[in-house]
Each structure stands twice: as C-alpha cells, then as structure tokens.
Amino acid sequence: MKADETPNSLPTGVDLPDTGFGYTLSLIGGKYKILILYWLYEKEVIRFNELKRNIGTISYKTLSVMLKELEADDIVIRKEFPQIPPKVEYSLSERGRSLIPVLDIICAWGEANRA
C-alpha cells in the first residue's frame, strides 16, 4: 500500500464518479430507481399510476422525476399516445434491460447473505 492510500479506499486522485462503478451507481442509485426498474421488468409495459400503486410509498413528483432521469439516461422508454385522456406507457430500453443481470446478481447476493 502506498503512503497516500488508506485500506479499502480508492488511490488518491481517483474520483469515484469517473469509474465504471460510480457511473453505474449514478444511473440506478437512489431510493426508488431499482424498484422502478424491477416493476418495468416484471410488467414489460406499465402506466404511471400502476407503477405508483405498485411502489406505494413514492410520491407522484418523485416518481415523475425518477422516470425523467431514467429516460434521459436511456434506461426507460416513454411512449405517449395522442388521445384524451392522455395515455403514457413506460418500458425498459435495450440499455435498461442490460441492467437486469446486474440487479439479479445483487438480489442473489442479498438472498445468500441476509441474516
């Protein structure tokens, strides 16, 4: 170990957001994004209110913000139908589906290691 490093830390000068790990966390981090991804994977296509009901504890504003962030990161596809009342459906993009094996591994680790 170098003098400017502490155990279990990144070497000095490495910024966590500049790593693959940091980038992945920036996409899926937060209280609700993994739950949103889970429901989008389970249902394939889901409307806003159904997603809100399935998550339960999330506010409308927070869900809207999380979906916009996931859409901006090309994880979620938002499809709007020109009708009255408005209809909007959400689904995982190809990039979003590529995260599912990562989430499966996290889930398996949790199942194997929880007390």
C-alpha atoms as a PDB file:
ATOM      1  CA  MET A   1       0.000   0.000   0.000  1.00  0.00           C
ATOM      2  CA  LYS A   2       1.245   3.447  -0.865  1.00  0.00           C
ATOM      3  CA  ALA A   3       1.630   6.120   1.792  1.00  0.00           C
ATOM      4  CA  ASP A   4      -1.217   8.211   0.342  1.00  0.00           C
ATOM      5  CA  GLU A   5      -3.747   5.342   0.411  1.00  0.00           C
ATOM      6  CA  THR A   6      -5.886   4.025   3.224  1.00  0.00           C
ATOM      7  CA  PRO A   7      -7.138   0.438   3.412  1.00  0.00           C
ATOM      8  CA  ASN A   8     -10.261  -0.259   1.329  1.00  0.00           C
ATOM      9  CA  SER A   9     -10.192   3.094  -0.442  1.00  0.00           C
ATOM     10  CA  LEU A  10      -9.502   4.325  -3.926  1.00  0.00           C
ATOM     11  CA  PRO A  11      -5.975   5.515  -4.650  1.00  0.00           C
ATOM     12  CA  THR A  12      -5.524   9.258  -4.272  1.00  0.00           C
ATOM     13  CA  GLY A  13      -6.552  11.095  -7.403  1.00  0.00           C
ATOM     14  CA  VAL A  14      -9.246   8.608  -8.482  1.00  0.00           C
ATOM     15  CA  ASP A  15     -12.676  10.188  -8.477  1.00  0.00           C
ATOM     16  CA  LEU A  16     -15.443   7.615  -7.867  1.00  0.00           C
ATOM     17  CA  PRO A  17     -17.835   9.153 -10.439  1.00  0.00           C
ATOM     18  CA  ASP A  18     -15.106   8.670 -13.055  1.00  0.00           C
ATOM     19  CA  THR A  19     -15.149   4.891 -12.574  1.00  0.00           C
ATOM     20  CA  GLY A  20     -17.499   2.332 -14.108  1.00  0.00           C
ATOM     21  CA  PHE A  21     -18.815   1.559 -10.644  1.00  0.00           C
ATOM     22  CA  GLY A  22     -19.541   5.213  -9.952  1.00  0.00           C
ATOM     23  CA  TYR A  23     -21.252   5.641 -13.311  1.00  0.00           C
ATOM     24  CA  THR A  24     -23.487   2.607 -12.741  1.00  0.00           C
ATOM     25  CA  LEU A  25     -24.448   3.883  -9.288  1.00  0.00           C
ATOM     26  CA  SER A  26     -25.301   7.279 -10.759  1.00  0.00           C
ATOM     27  CA  LEU A  27     -27.805   5.563 -13.072  1.00  0.00           C
ATOM     28  CA  ILE A  28     -29.502   3.234 -10.575  1.00  0.00           C
ATOM     29  CA  GLY A  29     -28.733   4.880  -7.231  1.00  0.00           C
ATOM     30  CA  GLY A  30     -31.398   6.354  -5.038  1.00  0.00           C
ATOM     31  CA  LYS A  31     -34.309   5.091  -3.044  1.00  0.00           C
ATOM     32  CA  TYR A  32     -36.655   4.188  -5.895  1.00  0.00           C
ATOM     33  CA  LYS A  33     -34.827   3.626  -9.185  1.00  0.00           C
ATOM     34  CA  ILE A  34     -34.175  -0.069  -8.594  1.00  0.00           C
ATOM     35  CA  LEU A  35     -37.843  -0.565  -7.641  1.00  0.00           C
ATOM     36  CA  ILE A  36     -38.913   1.219 -10.820  1.00  0.00           C
ATOM     37  CA  LEU A  37     -36.598  -0.995 -12.874  1.00  0.00           C
ATOM     38  CA  TYR A  38     -37.959  -4.085 -11.123  1.00  0.00           C
ATOM     39  CA  TRP A  39     -41.588  -3.237 -11.969  1.00  0.00           C
ATOM     40  CA  LEU A  40     -40.726  -2.285 -15.539  1.00  0.00           C
ATOM     41  CA  TYR A  41     -39.000  -5.635 -15.941  1.00  0.00           C
ATOM     42  CA  GLU A  42     -41.887  -7.565 -14.340  1.00  0.00           C
ATOM     43  CA  LYS A  43     -44.663  -5.865 -16.308  1.00  0.00           C
ATOM     44  CA  GLU A  44     -42.721  -5.042 -19.518  1.00  0.00           C
ATOM     45  CA  VAL A  45     -45.068  -2.094 -20.187  1.00  0.00           C
ATOM     46  CA  ILE A  46     -46.661  -0.121 -17.376  1.00  0.00           C
ATOM     47  CA  ARG A  47     -48.583   3.106 -16.969  1.00  0.00           C
ATOM     48  CA  PHE A  48     -47.654   5.804 -14.471  1.00  0.00           C
ATOM     49  CA  ASN A  49     -50.479   5.225 -11.974  1.00  0.00           C
ATOM     50  CA  GLU A  50     -49.998   1.456 -11.957  1.00  0.00           C
ATOM     51  CA  LEU A  51     -46.302   1.961 -11.290  1.00  0.00           C
ATOM     52  CA  LYS A  52     -47.177   4.375  -8.467  1.00  0.00           C
ATOM     53  CA  ARG A  53     -49.589   1.844  -6.945  1.00  0.00           C
ATOM     54  CA  ASN A  54     -47.048  -0.975  -7.175  1.00  0.00           C
ATOM     55  CA  ILE A  55     -44.321   1.034  -5.428  1.00  0.00           C
ATOM     56  CA  GLY A  56     -46.745   2.513  -2.920  1.00  0.00           C
ATOM     57  CA  THR A  57     -44.559   4.817  -0.849  1.00  0.00           C
ATOM     58  CA  ILE A  58     -43.339   7.042  -3.684  1.00  0.00           C
ATOM     59  CA  SER A  59     -44.900  10.462  -4.300  1.00  0.00           C
ATOM     60  CA  TYR A  60     -46.187  11.450  -7.739  1.00  0.00           C
ATOM     61  CA  LYS A  61     -43.497  14.121  -8.032  1.00  0.00           C
ATOM     62  CA  THR A  62     -40.656  11.777  -7.062  1.00  0.00           C
ATOM     63  CA  LEU A  63     -41.864   9.095  -9.476  1.00  0.00           C
ATOM     64  CA  SER A  64     -42.085  11.662 -12.249  1.00  0.00           C
ATOM     65  CA  VAL A  65     -38.546  12.914 -11.548  1.00  0.00           C
ATOM     66  CA  MET A  66     -37.109   9.373 -11.367  1.00  0.00           C
ATOM     67  CA  LEU A  67     -38.765   8.378 -14.649  1.00  0.00           C
ATOM     68  CA  LYS A  68     -37.482  11.525 -16.370  1.00  0.00           C
ATOM     69  CA  GLU A  69     -33.945  10.791 -15.138  1.00  0.00           C
ATOM     70  CA  LEU A  70     -34.140   7.175 -16.289  1.00  0.00           C
ATOM     71  CA  GLU A  71     -35.498   8.307 -19.654  1.00  0.00           C
ATOM     72  CA  ALA A  72     -32.706  10.895 -20.027  1.00  0.00           C
ATOM     73  CA  ASP A  73     -30.158   8.133 -19.298  1.00  0.00           C
ATOM     74  CA  ASP A  74     -31.759   5.917 -21.991  1.00  0.00           C
ATOM     75  CA  ILE A  75     -32.807   3.304 -19.429  1.00  0.00           C
ATOM     76  CA  VAL A  76     -36.556   3.815 -19.821  1.00  0.00           C
ATOM     77  CA  ILE A  77     -38.690   4.436 -22.888  1.00  0.00           C
ATOM     78  CA  ARG A  78     -41.689   6.741 -22.524  1.00  0.00           C
ATOM     79  CA  LYS A  79     -44.412   6.283 -25.117  1.00  0.00           C
ATOM     80  CA  GLU A  80     -47.159   8.888 -25.256  1.00  0.00           C
ATOM     81  CA  PHE A  81     -50.432   8.232 -27.054  1.00  0.00           C
ATOM     82  CA  PRO A  82     -52.272  11.237 -28.538  1.00  0.00           C
ATOM     83  CA  GLN A  83     -55.687  10.685 -27.008  1.00  0.00           C
ATOM     84  CA  ILE A  84     -57.985  12.085 -24.368  1.00  0.00           C
ATOM     85  CA  PRO A  85     -57.455  11.359 -21.554  1.00  0.00           C
ATOM     86  CA  PRO A  86     -53.694  11.234 -22.129  1.00  0.00           C
ATOM     87  CA  LYS A  87     -52.117   7.785 -22.038  1.00  0.00           C
ATOM     88  CA  VAL A  88     -48.423   7.259 -21.337  1.00  0.00           C
ATOM     89  CA  GLU A  89     -46.659   3.908 -21.079  1.00  0.00           C
ATOM     90  CA  TYR A  90     -43.185   3.150 -19.789  1.00  0.00           C
ATOM     91  CA  SER A  91     -40.916   0.236 -20.640  1.00  0.00           C
ATOM     92  CA  LEU A  92     -37.258  -0.680 -20.374  1.00  0.00           C
ATOM     93  CA  SER A  93     -34.995   0.223 -23.261  1.00  0.00           C
ATOM     94  CA  GLU A  94     -32.441  -2.273 -24.537  1.00  0.00           C
ATOM     95  CA  ARG A  95     -29.893  -0.482 -22.354  1.00  0.00           C
ATOM     96  CA  GLY A  96     -32.260  -0.762 -19.383  1.00  0.00           C
ATOM     97  CA  ARG A  97     -32.764  -4.486 -19.984  1.00  0.00           C
ATOM     98  CA  SER A  98     -28.981  -4.910 -19.967  1.00  0.00           C
ATOM     99  CA  LEU A  99     -29.032  -3.818 -16.293  1.00  0.00           C
ATOM    100  CA  ILE A 100     -31.290  -6.705 -15.251  1.00  0.00           C
ATOM    101  CA  PRO A 101     -28.470  -9.292 -14.897  1.00  0.00           C
ATOM    102  CA  VAL A 102     -26.635  -6.821 -12.638  1.00  0.00           C
ATOM    103  CA  LEU A 103     -29.735  -6.426 -10.480  1.00  0.00           C
ATOM    104  CA  ASP A 104     -30.229 -10.225 -10.432  1.00  0.00           C
ATOM    105  CA  ILE A 105     -26.700 -10.655  -9.067  1.00  0.00           C
ATOM    106  CA  ILE A 106     -27.324  -8.029  -6.374  1.00  0.00           C
ATOM    107  CA  CYS A 107     -30.558  -9.815  -5.437  1.00  0.00           C
ATOM    108  CA  ALA A 108     -28.865 -13.237  -5.306  1.00  0.00           C
ATOM    109  CA  TRP A 109     -26.095 -11.851  -3.109  1.00  0.00           C
ATOM    110  CA  GLY A 110     -28.678 -10.350  -0.755  1.00  0.00           C
ATOM    111  CA  GLU A 111     -30.600 -13.626  -0.514  1.00  0.00           C
ATOM    112  CA  ALA A 112     -27.405 -15.556   0.215  1.00  0.00           C
ATOM    113  CA  ASN A 113     -26.132 -13.106   2.837  1.00  0.00           C
ATOM    114  CA  ARG A 114     -29.118 -11.801   4.769  1.00  0.00           C
ATOM    115  CA  ALA A 115     -29.438 -12.964   8.326  1.00  0.00           C
END
